[in-house]
Full PDB file with SEQRES, HELIX, SHEET, SSBOND, CRYST1, ORIGX, SCALE, CONECT and MASTER records, all heavy atoms in Angstrom:
SEQRES   1 A   38  HIS VAL ILE THR LYS ARG LEU LEU ARG GLN PRO LEU GLY          
SEQRES   2 A   38  ASP LEU MET GLU ALA THR ARG HIS ILE ALA THR GLY ASN          
SEQRES   3 A   38  PHE ALA HIS ARG VAL PRO VAL ARG LYS ALA ASP GLU              
HELIX    1 AA1 VAL A    2  ALA A   23  1                                  22    
CRYST1    1.000    1.000    1.000  90.00  90.00  90.00 P 1           1          
ORIGX1      1.000000  0.000000  0.000000        0.00000                         
ORIGX2      0.000000  1.000000  0.000000        0.00000                         
ORIGX3      0.000000  0.000000  1.000000        0.00000                         
SCALE1      1.000000  0.000000  0.000000        0.00000                         
SCALE2      0.000000  1.000000  0.000000        0.00000                         
SCALE3      0.000000  0.000000  1.000000        0.00000                         
ATOM      1  N   HIS A   1     -52.534  10.981 190.444  1.00  0.00           N  
ATOM      2  CA  HIS A   1     -52.325  11.772 191.664  1.00  0.00           C  
ATOM      3  C   HIS A   1     -53.618  12.457 192.101  1.00  0.00           C  
ATOM      4  O   HIS A   1     -53.976  12.435 193.278  1.00  0.00           O  
ATOM      5  CB  HIS A   1     -51.225  12.804 191.411  1.00  0.00           C  
ATOM      6  CG  HIS A   1     -50.972  13.712 192.567  1.00  0.00           C  
ATOM      7  ND1 HIS A   1     -50.367  13.291 193.716  1.00  0.00           N  
ATOM      8  CD2 HIS A   1     -51.268  15.023 192.760  1.00  0.00           C  
ATOM      9  CE1 HIS A   1     -50.290  14.296 194.567  1.00  0.00           C  
ATOM     10  NE2 HIS A   1     -50.833  15.367 194.011  1.00  0.00           N  
ATOM     11  N   VAL A   2     -54.319  13.055 191.144  1.00  0.00           N  
ATOM     12  CA  VAL A   2     -55.577  13.749 191.465  1.00  0.00           C  
ATOM     13  C   VAL A   2     -56.614  12.756 191.980  1.00  0.00           C  
ATOM     14  O   VAL A   2     -57.281  12.998 192.996  1.00  0.00           O  
ATOM     15  CB  VAL A   2     -56.102  14.509 190.229  1.00  0.00           C  
ATOM     16  CG1 VAL A   2     -57.533  14.975 190.433  1.00  0.00           C  
ATOM     17  CG2 VAL A   2     -55.199  15.692 189.922  1.00  0.00           C  
ATOM     18  N   ILE A   3     -56.748  11.622 191.304  1.00  0.00           N  
ATOM     19  CA  ILE A   3     -57.738  10.623 191.715  1.00  0.00           C  
ATOM     20  C   ILE A   3     -57.387  10.062 193.081  1.00  0.00           C  
ATOM     21  O   ILE A   3     -58.244   9.952 193.965  1.00  0.00           O  
ATOM     22  CB  ILE A   3     -57.847   9.508 190.657  1.00  0.00           C  
ATOM     23  CG1 ILE A   3     -58.528  10.057 189.400  1.00  0.00           C  
ATOM     24  CG2 ILE A   3     -58.613   8.309 191.200  1.00  0.00           C  
ATOM     25  CD1 ILE A   3     -58.524   9.105 188.227  1.00  0.00           C  
ATOM     26  N   THR A   4     -56.124   9.725 193.280  1.00  0.00           N  
ATOM     27  CA  THR A   4     -55.697   9.179 194.565  1.00  0.00           C  
ATOM     28  C   THR A   4     -55.916  10.191 195.676  1.00  0.00           C  
ATOM     29  O   THR A   4     -56.400   9.846 196.754  1.00  0.00           O  
ATOM     30  CB  THR A   4     -54.214   8.775 194.498  1.00  0.00           C  
ATOM     31  OG1 THR A   4     -54.055   7.808 193.473  1.00  0.00           O  
ATOM     32  CG2 THR A   4     -53.747   8.193 195.808  1.00  0.00           C  
ATOM     33  N   LYS A   5     -55.585  11.431 195.397  1.00  0.00           N  
ATOM     34  CA  LYS A   5     -55.764  12.472 196.403  1.00  0.00           C  
ATOM     35  C   LYS A   5     -57.239  12.615 196.769  1.00  0.00           C  
ATOM     36  O   LYS A   5     -57.598  12.722 197.932  1.00  0.00           O  
ATOM     37  CB  LYS A   5     -55.219  13.791 195.848  1.00  0.00           C  
ATOM     38  CG  LYS A   5     -54.882  14.809 196.863  1.00  0.00           C  
ATOM     39  CD  LYS A   5     -54.184  15.971 196.183  1.00  0.00           C  
ATOM     40  CE  LYS A   5     -53.672  16.945 197.203  1.00  0.00           C  
ATOM     41  NZ  LYS A   5     -52.992  18.072 196.574  1.00  0.00           N  
ATOM     42  N   ARG A   6     -58.090  12.597 195.758  1.00  0.00           N  
ATOM     43  CA  ARG A   6     -59.523  12.758 195.996  1.00  0.00           C  
ATOM     44  C   ARG A   6     -60.089  11.542 196.738  1.00  0.00           C  
ATOM     45  O   ARG A   6     -60.918  11.681 197.629  1.00  0.00           O  
ATOM     46  CB  ARG A   6     -60.252  12.943 194.673  1.00  0.00           C  
ATOM     47  CG  ARG A   6     -61.736  13.178 194.849  1.00  0.00           C  
ATOM     48  CD  ARG A   6     -62.388  13.584 193.581  1.00  0.00           C  
ATOM     49  NE  ARG A   6     -61.943  14.929 193.229  1.00  0.00           N  
ATOM     50  CZ  ARG A   6     -62.039  15.447 192.035  1.00  0.00           C  
ATOM     51  NH1 ARG A   6     -62.560  14.761 191.062  1.00  0.00           N  
ATOM     52  NH2 ARG A   6     -61.612  16.666 191.789  1.00  0.00           N  
ATOM     53  N   LEU A   7     -59.636  10.334 196.372  1.00  0.00           N  
ATOM     54  CA  LEU A   7     -60.173   9.124 196.980  1.00  0.00           C  
ATOM     55  C   LEU A   7     -59.633   8.885 198.384  1.00  0.00           C  
ATOM     56  O   LEU A   7     -60.316   8.297 199.216  1.00  0.00           O  
ATOM     57  CB  LEU A   7     -59.860   7.901 196.103  1.00  0.00           C  
ATOM     58  CG  LEU A   7     -60.589   7.816 194.768  1.00  0.00           C  
ATOM     59  CD1 LEU A   7     -60.092   6.617 193.978  1.00  0.00           C  
ATOM     60  CD2 LEU A   7     -62.086   7.733 194.972  1.00  0.00           C  
ATOM     61  N   LEU A   8     -58.405   9.317 198.641  1.00  0.00           N  
ATOM     62  CA  LEU A   8     -57.776   9.009 199.924  1.00  0.00           C  
ATOM     63  C   LEU A   8     -57.827  10.156 200.930  1.00  0.00           C  
ATOM     64  O   LEU A   8     -57.764   9.911 202.129  1.00  0.00           O  
ATOM     65  CB  LEU A   8     -56.313   8.610 199.707  1.00  0.00           C  
ATOM     66  CG  LEU A   8     -56.072   7.322 198.928  1.00  0.00           C  
ATOM     67  CD1 LEU A   8     -54.587   7.084 198.757  1.00  0.00           C  
ATOM     68  CD2 LEU A   8     -56.714   6.150 199.631  1.00  0.00           C  
ATOM     69  N   ARG A   9     -57.923  11.388 200.454  1.00  0.00           N  
ATOM     70  CA  ARG A   9     -57.823  12.527 201.369  1.00  0.00           C  
ATOM     71  C   ARG A   9     -58.895  12.488 202.456  1.00  0.00           C  
ATOM     72  O   ARG A   9     -58.597  12.592 203.640  1.00  0.00           O  
ATOM     73  CB  ARG A   9     -57.920  13.840 200.602  1.00  0.00           C  
ATOM     74  CG  ARG A   9     -57.846  15.035 201.558  1.00  0.00           C  
ATOM     75  CD  ARG A   9     -58.056  16.342 200.886  1.00  0.00           C  
ATOM     76  NE  ARG A   9     -57.011  16.566 199.913  1.00  0.00           N  
ATOM     77  CZ  ARG A   9     -57.066  17.501 198.988  1.00  0.00           C  
ATOM     78  NH1 ARG A   9     -58.102  18.295 198.919  1.00  0.00           N  
ATOM     79  NH2 ARG A   9     -56.088  17.657 198.142  1.00  0.00           N  
ATOM     80  N   GLN A  10     -60.158  12.341 202.075  1.00  0.00           N  
ATOM     81  CA  GLN A  10     -61.247  12.386 203.062  1.00  0.00           C  
ATOM     82  C   GLN A  10     -61.174  11.221 204.052  1.00  0.00           C  
ATOM     83  O   GLN A  10     -61.202  11.465 205.255  1.00  0.00           O  
ATOM     84  CB  GLN A  10     -62.599  12.407 202.333  1.00  0.00           C  
ATOM     85  CG  GLN A  10     -63.770  12.566 203.281  1.00  0.00           C  
ATOM     86  CD  GLN A  10     -63.797  13.932 203.940  1.00  0.00           C  
ATOM     87  OE1 GLN A  10     -63.581  14.932 203.287  1.00  0.00           O  
ATOM     88  NE2 GLN A  10     -64.041  13.969 205.229  1.00  0.00           N  
ATOM     89  N   PRO A  11     -61.056   9.956 203.593  1.00  0.00           N  
ATOM     90  CA  PRO A  11     -61.004   8.865 204.570  1.00  0.00           C  
ATOM     91  C   PRO A  11     -59.784   8.941 205.494  1.00  0.00           C  
ATOM     92  O   PRO A  11     -59.897   8.709 206.698  1.00  0.00           O  
ATOM     93  CB  PRO A  11     -60.942   7.597 203.709  1.00  0.00           C  
ATOM     94  CG  PRO A  11     -61.459   8.003 202.379  1.00  0.00           C  
ATOM     95  CD  PRO A  11     -61.144   9.444 202.220  1.00  0.00           C  
ATOM     96  N   LEU A  12     -58.637   9.301 204.949  1.00  0.00           N  
ATOM     97  CA  LEU A  12     -57.449   9.401 205.801  1.00  0.00           C  
ATOM     98  C   LEU A  12     -57.557  10.605 206.738  1.00  0.00           C  
ATOM     99  O   LEU A  12     -57.110  10.532 207.886  1.00  0.00           O  
ATOM    100  CB  LEU A  12     -56.184   9.490 204.950  1.00  0.00           C  
ATOM    101  CG  LEU A  12     -55.837   8.209 204.193  1.00  0.00           C  
ATOM    102  CD1 LEU A  12     -54.583   8.410 203.350  1.00  0.00           C  
ATOM    103  CD2 LEU A  12     -55.665   7.033 205.133  1.00  0.00           C  
ATOM    104  N   GLY A  13     -58.147  11.678 206.268  1.00  0.00           N  
ATOM    105  CA  GLY A  13     -58.384  12.826 207.148  1.00  0.00           C  
ATOM    106  C   GLY A  13     -59.323  12.468 208.292  1.00  0.00           C  
ATOM    107  O   GLY A  13     -59.110  12.881 209.432  1.00  0.00           O  
ATOM    108  N   ASP A  14     -60.360  11.682 207.975  1.00  0.00           N  
ATOM    109  CA  ASP A  14     -61.288  11.216 209.020  1.00  0.00           C  
ATOM    110  C   ASP A  14     -60.554  10.379 210.061  1.00  0.00           C  
ATOM    111  O   ASP A  14     -60.765  10.533 211.274  1.00  0.00           O  
ATOM    112  CB  ASP A  14     -62.416  10.385 208.410  1.00  0.00           C  
ATOM    113  CG  ASP A  14     -63.369  11.216 207.571  1.00  0.00           C  
ATOM    114  OD1 ASP A  14     -63.376  12.453 207.706  1.00  0.00           O  
ATOM    115  OD2 ASP A  14     -64.114  10.600 206.769  1.00  0.00           O  
ATOM    116  N   LEU A  15     -59.684   9.486 209.593  1.00  0.00           N  
ATOM    117  CA  LEU A  15     -58.930   8.637 210.525  1.00  0.00           C  
ATOM    118  C   LEU A  15     -57.961   9.460 211.375  1.00  0.00           C  
ATOM    119  O   LEU A  15     -57.800   9.196 212.574  1.00  0.00           O  
ATOM    120  CB  LEU A  15     -58.173   7.547 209.764  1.00  0.00           C  
ATOM    121  CG  LEU A  15     -59.019   6.373 209.308  1.00  0.00           C  
ATOM    122  CD1 LEU A  15     -58.248   5.500 208.328  1.00  0.00           C  
ATOM    123  CD2 LEU A  15     -59.471   5.542 210.495  1.00  0.00           C  
ATOM    124  N   MET A  16     -57.318  10.462 210.755  1.00  0.00           N  
ATOM    125  CA  MET A  16     -56.404  11.318 211.521  1.00  0.00           C  
ATOM    126  C   MET A  16     -57.168  12.091 212.604  1.00  0.00           C  
ATOM    127  O   MET A  16     -56.710  12.194 213.740  1.00  0.00           O  
ATOM    128  CB  MET A  16     -55.690  12.308 210.580  1.00  0.00           C  
ATOM    129  CG  MET A  16     -54.629  11.676 209.714  1.00  0.00           C  
ATOM    130  SD  MET A  16     -53.283  10.967 210.677  1.00  0.00           S  
ATOM    131  CE  MET A  16     -52.609  12.415 211.439  1.00  0.00           C  
ATOM    132  N   GLU A  17     -58.334  12.611 212.241  1.00  0.00           N  
ATOM    133  CA  GLU A  17     -59.154  13.350 213.208  1.00  0.00           C  
ATOM    134  C   GLU A  17     -59.581  12.428 214.358  1.00  0.00           C  
ATOM    135  O   GLU A  17     -59.520  12.809 215.535  1.00  0.00           O  
ATOM    136  CB  GLU A  17     -60.379  13.946 212.507  1.00  0.00           C  
ATOM    137  CG  GLU A  17     -61.289  14.736 213.411  1.00  0.00           C  
ATOM    138  CD  GLU A  17     -60.655  16.011 213.935  1.00  0.00           C  
ATOM    139  OE1 GLU A  17     -59.663  16.490 213.362  1.00  0.00           O  
ATOM    140  OE2 GLU A  17     -61.167  16.524 214.940  1.00  0.00           O  
ATOM    141  N   ALA A  18     -60.011  11.237 214.032  1.00  0.00           N  
ATOM    142  CA  ALA A  18     -60.434  10.283 215.070  1.00  0.00           C  
ATOM    143  C   ALA A  18     -59.260   9.895 215.958  1.00  0.00           C  
ATOM    144  O   ALA A  18     -59.425   9.744 217.178  1.00  0.00           O  
ATOM    145  CB  ALA A  18     -61.040   9.045 214.418  1.00  0.00           C  
ATOM    146  N   THR A  19     -58.087   9.760 215.379  1.00  0.00           N  
ATOM    147  CA  THR A  19     -56.895   9.424 216.165  1.00  0.00           C  
ATOM    148  C   THR A  19     -56.596  10.527 217.172  1.00  0.00           C  
ATOM    149  O   THR A  19     -56.251  10.249 218.326  1.00  0.00           O  
ATOM    150  CB  THR A  19     -55.686   9.200 215.232  1.00  0.00           C  
ATOM    151  OG1 THR A  19     -56.004   8.157 214.322  1.00  0.00           O  
ATOM    152  CG2 THR A  19     -54.445   8.828 216.008  1.00  0.00           C  
ATOM    153  N   ARG A  20     -56.750  11.781 216.743  1.00  0.00           N  
ATOM    154  CA  ARG A  20     -56.542  12.905 217.673  1.00  0.00           C  
ATOM    155  C   ARG A  20     -57.543  12.833 218.838  1.00  0.00           C  
ATOM    156  O   ARG A  20     -57.187  13.078 219.989  1.00  0.00           O  
ATOM    157  CB  ARG A  20     -56.693  14.238 216.941  1.00  0.00           C  
ATOM    158  CG  ARG A  20     -55.492  14.641 216.122  1.00  0.00           C  
ATOM    159  CD  ARG A  20     -55.624  16.099 215.657  1.00  0.00           C  
ATOM    160  NE  ARG A  20     -55.065  16.384 214.376  1.00  0.00           N  
ATOM    161  CZ  ARG A  20     -55.503  15.979 213.184  1.00  0.00           C  
ATOM    162  NH1 ARG A  20     -56.541  15.214 213.089  1.00  0.00           N  
ATOM    163  NH2 ARG A  20     -54.922  16.326 212.068  1.00  0.00           N  
ATOM    164  N   HIS A  21     -58.798  12.509 218.527  1.00  0.00           N  
ATOM    165  CA  HIS A  21     -59.816  12.414 219.588  1.00  0.00           C  
ATOM    166  C   HIS A  21     -59.473  11.292 220.564  1.00  0.00           C  
ATOM    167  O   HIS A  21     -59.551  11.479 221.780  1.00  0.00           O  
ATOM    168  CB  HIS A  21     -61.194  12.163 218.976  1.00  0.00           C  
ATOM    169  CG  HIS A  21     -61.831  13.392 218.422  1.00  0.00           C  
ATOM    170  ND1 HIS A  21     -62.560  14.265 219.178  1.00  0.00           N  
ATOM    171  CD2 HIS A  21     -61.829  13.906 217.159  1.00  0.00           C  
ATOM    172  CE1 HIS A  21     -62.995  15.261 218.431  1.00  0.00           C  
ATOM    173  NE2 HIS A  21     -62.559  15.069 217.197  1.00  0.00           N  
ATOM    174  N   ILE A  22     -59.112  10.122 220.041  1.00  0.00           N  
ATOM    175  CA  ILE A  22     -58.776   8.985 220.897  1.00  0.00           C  
ATOM    176  C   ILE A  22     -57.558   9.325 221.759  1.00  0.00           C  
ATOM    177  O   ILE A  22     -57.512   8.993 222.943  1.00  0.00           O  
ATOM    178  CB  ILE A  22     -58.511   7.716 220.048  1.00  0.00           C  
ATOM    179  CG1 ILE A  22     -59.769   7.303 219.284  1.00  0.00           C  
ATOM    180  CG2 ILE A  22     -57.998   6.566 220.905  1.00  0.00           C  
ATOM    181  CD1 ILE A  22     -60.927   6.877 220.136  1.00  0.00           C  
ATOM    182  N   ALA A  23     -56.565   9.997 221.157  1.00  0.00           N  
ATOM    183  CA  ALA A  23     -55.351  10.342 221.900  1.00  0.00           C  
ATOM    184  C   ALA A  23     -55.636  11.271 223.069  1.00  0.00           C  
ATOM    185  O   ALA A  23     -54.912  11.255 224.069  1.00  0.00           O  
ATOM    186  CB  ALA A  23     -54.329  10.988 220.956  1.00  0.00           C  
ATOM    187  N   THR A  24     -56.703  12.075 222.969  1.00  0.00           N  
ATOM    188  CA  THR A  24     -57.043  12.981 224.060  1.00  0.00           C  
ATOM    189  C   THR A  24     -58.081  12.384 225.017  1.00  0.00           C  
ATOM    190  O   THR A  24     -58.551  13.068 225.912  1.00  0.00           O  
ATOM    191  CB  THR A  24     -57.573  14.324 223.515  1.00  0.00           C  
ATOM    192  OG1 THR A  24     -58.740  14.080 222.733  1.00  0.00           O  
ATOM    193  CG2 THR A  24     -56.515  15.038 222.689  1.00  0.00           C  
ATOM    194  N   GLY A  25     -58.451  11.126 224.781  1.00  0.00           N  
ATOM    195  CA  GLY A  25     -59.373  10.452 225.696  1.00  0.00           C  
ATOM    196  C   GLY A  25     -60.827  10.502 225.287  1.00  0.00           C  
ATOM    197  O   GLY A  25     -61.690  10.040 226.031  1.00  0.00           O  
ATOM    198  N   ASN A  26     -61.130  11.044 224.121  1.00  0.00           N  
ATOM    199  CA  ASN A  26     -62.518  11.091 223.649  1.00  0.00           C  
ATOM    200  C   ASN A  26     -62.815   9.801 222.880  1.00  0.00           C  
ATOM    201  O   ASN A  26     -62.683   9.744 221.664  1.00  0.00           O  
ATOM    202  CB  ASN A  26     -62.733  12.311 222.747  1.00  0.00           C  
ATOM    203  CG  ASN A  26     -64.143  12.377 222.197  1.00  0.00           C  
ATOM    204  OD1 ASN A  26     -65.015  11.595 222.576  1.00  0.00           O  
ATOM    205  ND2 ASN A  26     -64.368  13.294 221.292  1.00  0.00           N  
ATOM    206  N   PHE A  27     -63.219   8.776 223.611  1.00  0.00           N  
ATOM    207  CA  PHE A  27     -63.476   7.470 222.996  1.00  0.00           C  
ATOM    208  C   PHE A  27     -64.855   7.388 222.355  1.00  0.00           C  
ATOM    209  O   PHE A  27     -65.186   6.391 221.727  1.00  0.00           O  
ATOM    210  CB  PHE A  27     -63.324   6.355 224.037  1.00  0.00           C  
ATOM    211  CG  PHE A  27     -61.927   6.271 224.583  1.00  0.00           C  
ATOM    212  CD1 PHE A  27     -61.634   6.741 225.844  1.00  0.00           C  
ATOM    213  CD2 PHE A  27     -60.909   5.744 223.819  1.00  0.00           C  
ATOM    214  CE1 PHE A  27     -60.349   6.675 226.347  1.00  0.00           C  
ATOM    215  CE2 PHE A  27     -59.620   5.680 224.309  1.00  0.00           C  
ATOM    216  CZ  PHE A  27     -59.331   6.145 225.577  1.00  0.00           C  
ATOM    217  N   ALA A  28     -65.651   8.428 222.463  1.00  0.00           N  
ATOM    218  CA  ALA A  28     -66.982   8.430 221.849  1.00  0.00           C  
ATOM    219  C   ALA A  28     -66.926   8.813 220.372  1.00  0.00           C  
ATOM    220  O   ALA A  28     -67.874   8.560 219.635  1.00  0.00           O  
ATOM    221  CB  ALA A  28     -67.890   9.398 222.593  1.00  0.00           C  
ATOM    222  N   HIS A  29     -65.816   9.411 219.935  1.00  0.00           N  
ATOM    223  CA  HIS A  29     -65.706   9.844 218.535  1.00  0.00           C  
ATOM    224  C   HIS A  29     -65.627   8.625 217.614  1.00  0.00           C  
ATOM    225  O   HIS A  29     -64.940   7.668 217.902  1.00  0.00           O  
ATOM    226  CB  HIS A  29     -64.461  10.715 218.344  1.00  0.00           C  
ATOM    227  CG  HIS A  29     -64.381  11.303 216.974  1.00  0.00           C  
ATOM    228  ND1 HIS A  29     -65.082  12.415 216.611  1.00  0.00           N  
ATOM    229  CD2 HIS A  29     -63.701  10.916 215.878  1.00  0.00           C  
ATOM    230  CE1 HIS A  29     -64.836  12.701 215.358  1.00  0.00           C  
ATOM    231  NE2 HIS A  29     -63.987  11.808 214.886  1.00  0.00           N  
ATOM    232  N   ARG A  30     -66.365   8.675 216.504  1.00  0.00           N  
ATOM    233  CA  ARG A  30     -66.368   7.582 215.531  1.00  0.00           C  
ATOM    234  C   ARG A  30     -65.983   8.109 214.155  1.00  0.00           C  
ATOM    235  O   ARG A  30     -66.249   9.265 213.819  1.00  0.00           O  
ATOM    236  CB  ARG A  30     -67.744   6.911 215.442  1.00  0.00           C  
ATOM    237  CG  ARG A  30     -68.159   6.220 216.731  1.00  0.00           C  
ATOM    238  CD  ARG A  30     -67.242   5.030 217.036  1.00  0.00           C  
ATOM    239  NE  ARG A  30     -67.610   4.346 218.248  1.00  0.00           N  
ATOM    240  CZ  ARG A  30     -67.020   4.514 219.426  1.00  0.00           C  
ATOM    241  NH1 ARG A  30     -66.064   5.395 219.562  1.00  0.00           N  
ATOM    242  NH2 ARG A  30     -67.393   3.826 220.473  1.00  0.00           N  
ATOM    243  N   VAL A  31     -65.387   7.236 213.365  1.00  0.00           N  
ATOM    244  CA  VAL A  31     -65.006   7.567 211.989  1.00  0.00           C  
ATOM    245  C   VAL A  31     -66.195   7.240 211.089  1.00  0.00           C  
ATOM    246  O   VAL A  31     -66.738   6.135 211.171  1.00  0.00           O  
ATOM    247  CB  VAL A  31     -63.783   6.726 211.538  1.00  0.00           C  
ATOM    248  CG1 VAL A  31     -63.405   7.040 210.102  1.00  0.00           C  
ATOM    249  CG2 VAL A  31     -62.613   6.949 212.467  1.00  0.00           C  
ATOM    250  N   PRO A  32     -66.596   8.174 210.218  1.00  0.00           N  
ATOM    251  CA  PRO A  32     -67.685   7.832 209.294  1.00  0.00           C  
ATOM    252  C   PRO A  32     -67.221   6.774 208.293  1.00  0.00           C  
ATOM    253  O   PRO A  32     -66.144   6.892 207.722  1.00  0.00           O  
ATOM    254  CB  PRO A  32     -68.001   9.155 208.582  1.00  0.00           C  
ATOM    255  CG  PRO A  32     -66.908  10.100 208.923  1.00  0.00           C  
ATOM    256  CD  PRO A  32     -66.161   9.558 210.086  1.00  0.00           C  
ATOM    257  N   VAL A  33     -68.024   5.729 208.118  1.00  0.00           N  
ATOM    258  CA  VAL A  33     -67.711   4.676 207.158  1.00  0.00           C  
ATOM    259  C   VAL A  33     -68.437   5.054 205.870  1.00  0.00           C  
ATOM    260  O   VAL A  33     -69.652   4.954 205.783  1.00  0.00           O  
ATOM    261  CB  VAL A  33     -68.155   3.288 207.675  1.00  0.00           C  
ATOM    262  CG1 VAL A  33     -67.845   2.210 206.656  1.00  0.00           C  
ATOM    263  CG2 VAL A  33     -67.494   2.992 209.012  1.00  0.00           C  
ATOM    264  N   ARG A  34     -67.663   5.492 204.866  1.00  0.00           N  
ATOM    265  CA  ARG A  34     -68.249   6.023 203.637  1.00  0.00           C  
ATOM    266  C   ARG A  34     -68.445   4.963 202.558  1.00  0.00           C  
ATOM    267  O   ARG A  34     -69.345   5.072 201.736  1.00  0.00           O  
ATOM    268  CB  ARG A  34     -67.376   7.145 203.086  1.00  0.00           C  
ATOM    269  CG  ARG A  34     -67.223   8.293 204.070  1.00  0.00           C  
ATOM    270  CD  ARG A  34     -66.355   9.405 203.498  1.00  0.00           C  
ATOM    271  NE  ARG A  34     -65.981  10.376 204.499  1.00  0.00           N  
ATOM    272  CZ  ARG A  34     -66.772  11.322 204.961  1.00  0.00           C  
ATOM    273  NH1 ARG A  34     -67.990  11.418 204.542  1.00  0.00           N  
ATOM    274  NH2 ARG A  34     -66.345  12.170 205.871  1.00  0.00           N  
ATOM    275  N   LYS A  35     -67.567   3.969 202.526  1.00  0.00           N  
ATOM    276  CA  LYS A  35     -67.636   2.928 201.495  1.00  0.00           C  
ATOM    277  C   LYS A  35     -67.309   1.589 202.121  1.00  0.00           C  
ATOM    278  O   LYS A  35     -66.800   1.509 203.229  1.00  0.00           O  
ATOM    279  CB  LYS A  35     -66.641   3.216 200.367  1.00  0.00           C  
ATOM    280  CG  LYS A  35     -66.970   4.466 199.576  1.00  0.00           C  
ATOM    281  CD  LYS A  35     -65.981   4.646 198.439  1.00  0.00           C  
ATOM    282  CE  LYS A  35     -66.302   5.909 197.665  1.00  0.00           C  
ATOM    283  NZ  LYS A  35     -65.355   6.143 196.598  1.00  0.00           N  
ATOM    284  N   ALA A  36     -67.574   0.535 201.364  1.00  0.00           N  
ATOM    285  CA  ALA A  36     -67.287  -0.816 201.863  1.00  0.00           C  
ATOM    286  C   ALA A  36     -65.966  -1.337 201.307  1.00  0.00           C  
ATOM    287  O   ALA A  36     -65.759  -2.529 201.211  1.00  0.00           O  
ATOM    288  CB  ALA A  36     -68.421  -1.762 201.480  1.00  0.00           C  
ATOM    289  N   ASP A  37     -65.031  -0.430 200.976  1.00  0.00           N  
ATOM    290  CA  ASP A  37     -63.735  -0.843 200.457  1.00  0.00           C  
ATOM    291  C   ASP A  37     -62.748  -1.013 201.613  1.00  0.00           C  
ATOM    292  O   ASP A  37     -63.144  -1.071 202.776  1.00  0.00           O  
ATOM    293  CB  ASP A  37     -63.229   0.165 199.419  1.00  0.00           C  
ATOM    294  CG  ASP A  37     -63.094   1.577 200.010  1.00  0.00           C  
ATOM    295  OD1 ASP A  37     -63.402   1.764 201.200  1.00  0.00           O  
ATOM    296  OD2 ASP A  37     -62.675   2.480 199.256  1.00  0.00           O  
ATOM    297  N   GLU A  38     -61.456  -1.092 201.291  1.00  0.00           N  
ATOM    298  CA  GLU A  38     -60.441  -1.302 202.322  1.00  0.00           C  
ATOM    299  C   GLU A  38     -60.435  -0.162 203.341  1.00  0.00           C  
ATOM    300  O   GLU A  38     -60.296  -0.401 204.540  1.00  0.00           O  
ATOM    301  CB  GLU A  38     -59.039  -1.424 201.683  1.00  0.00           C  
ATOM    302  CG  GLU A  38     -58.809  -2.703 200.936  1.00  0.00           C  
ATOM    303  CD  GLU A  38     -59.357  -2.660 199.513  1.00  0.00           C  
ATOM    304  OE1 GLU A  38     -59.847  -1.597 199.077  1.00  0.00           O  
ATOM    305  OE2 GLU A  38     -59.322  -3.709 198.847  1.00  0.00           O  
TER     306      GLU A  38                                                      
MASTER        0    0    0    1    0    0    0    6  305    1    0    3          
END                                                                             
């Protein structure tokens, strides 16, 4: 649980933040690509 939370929290949080920006019309916002995994 701790490892999954640590590994998934930041990337999923980034995607959620970017989704909020896109939903409000801010298409310039980009998600940081931190790793070359899924």
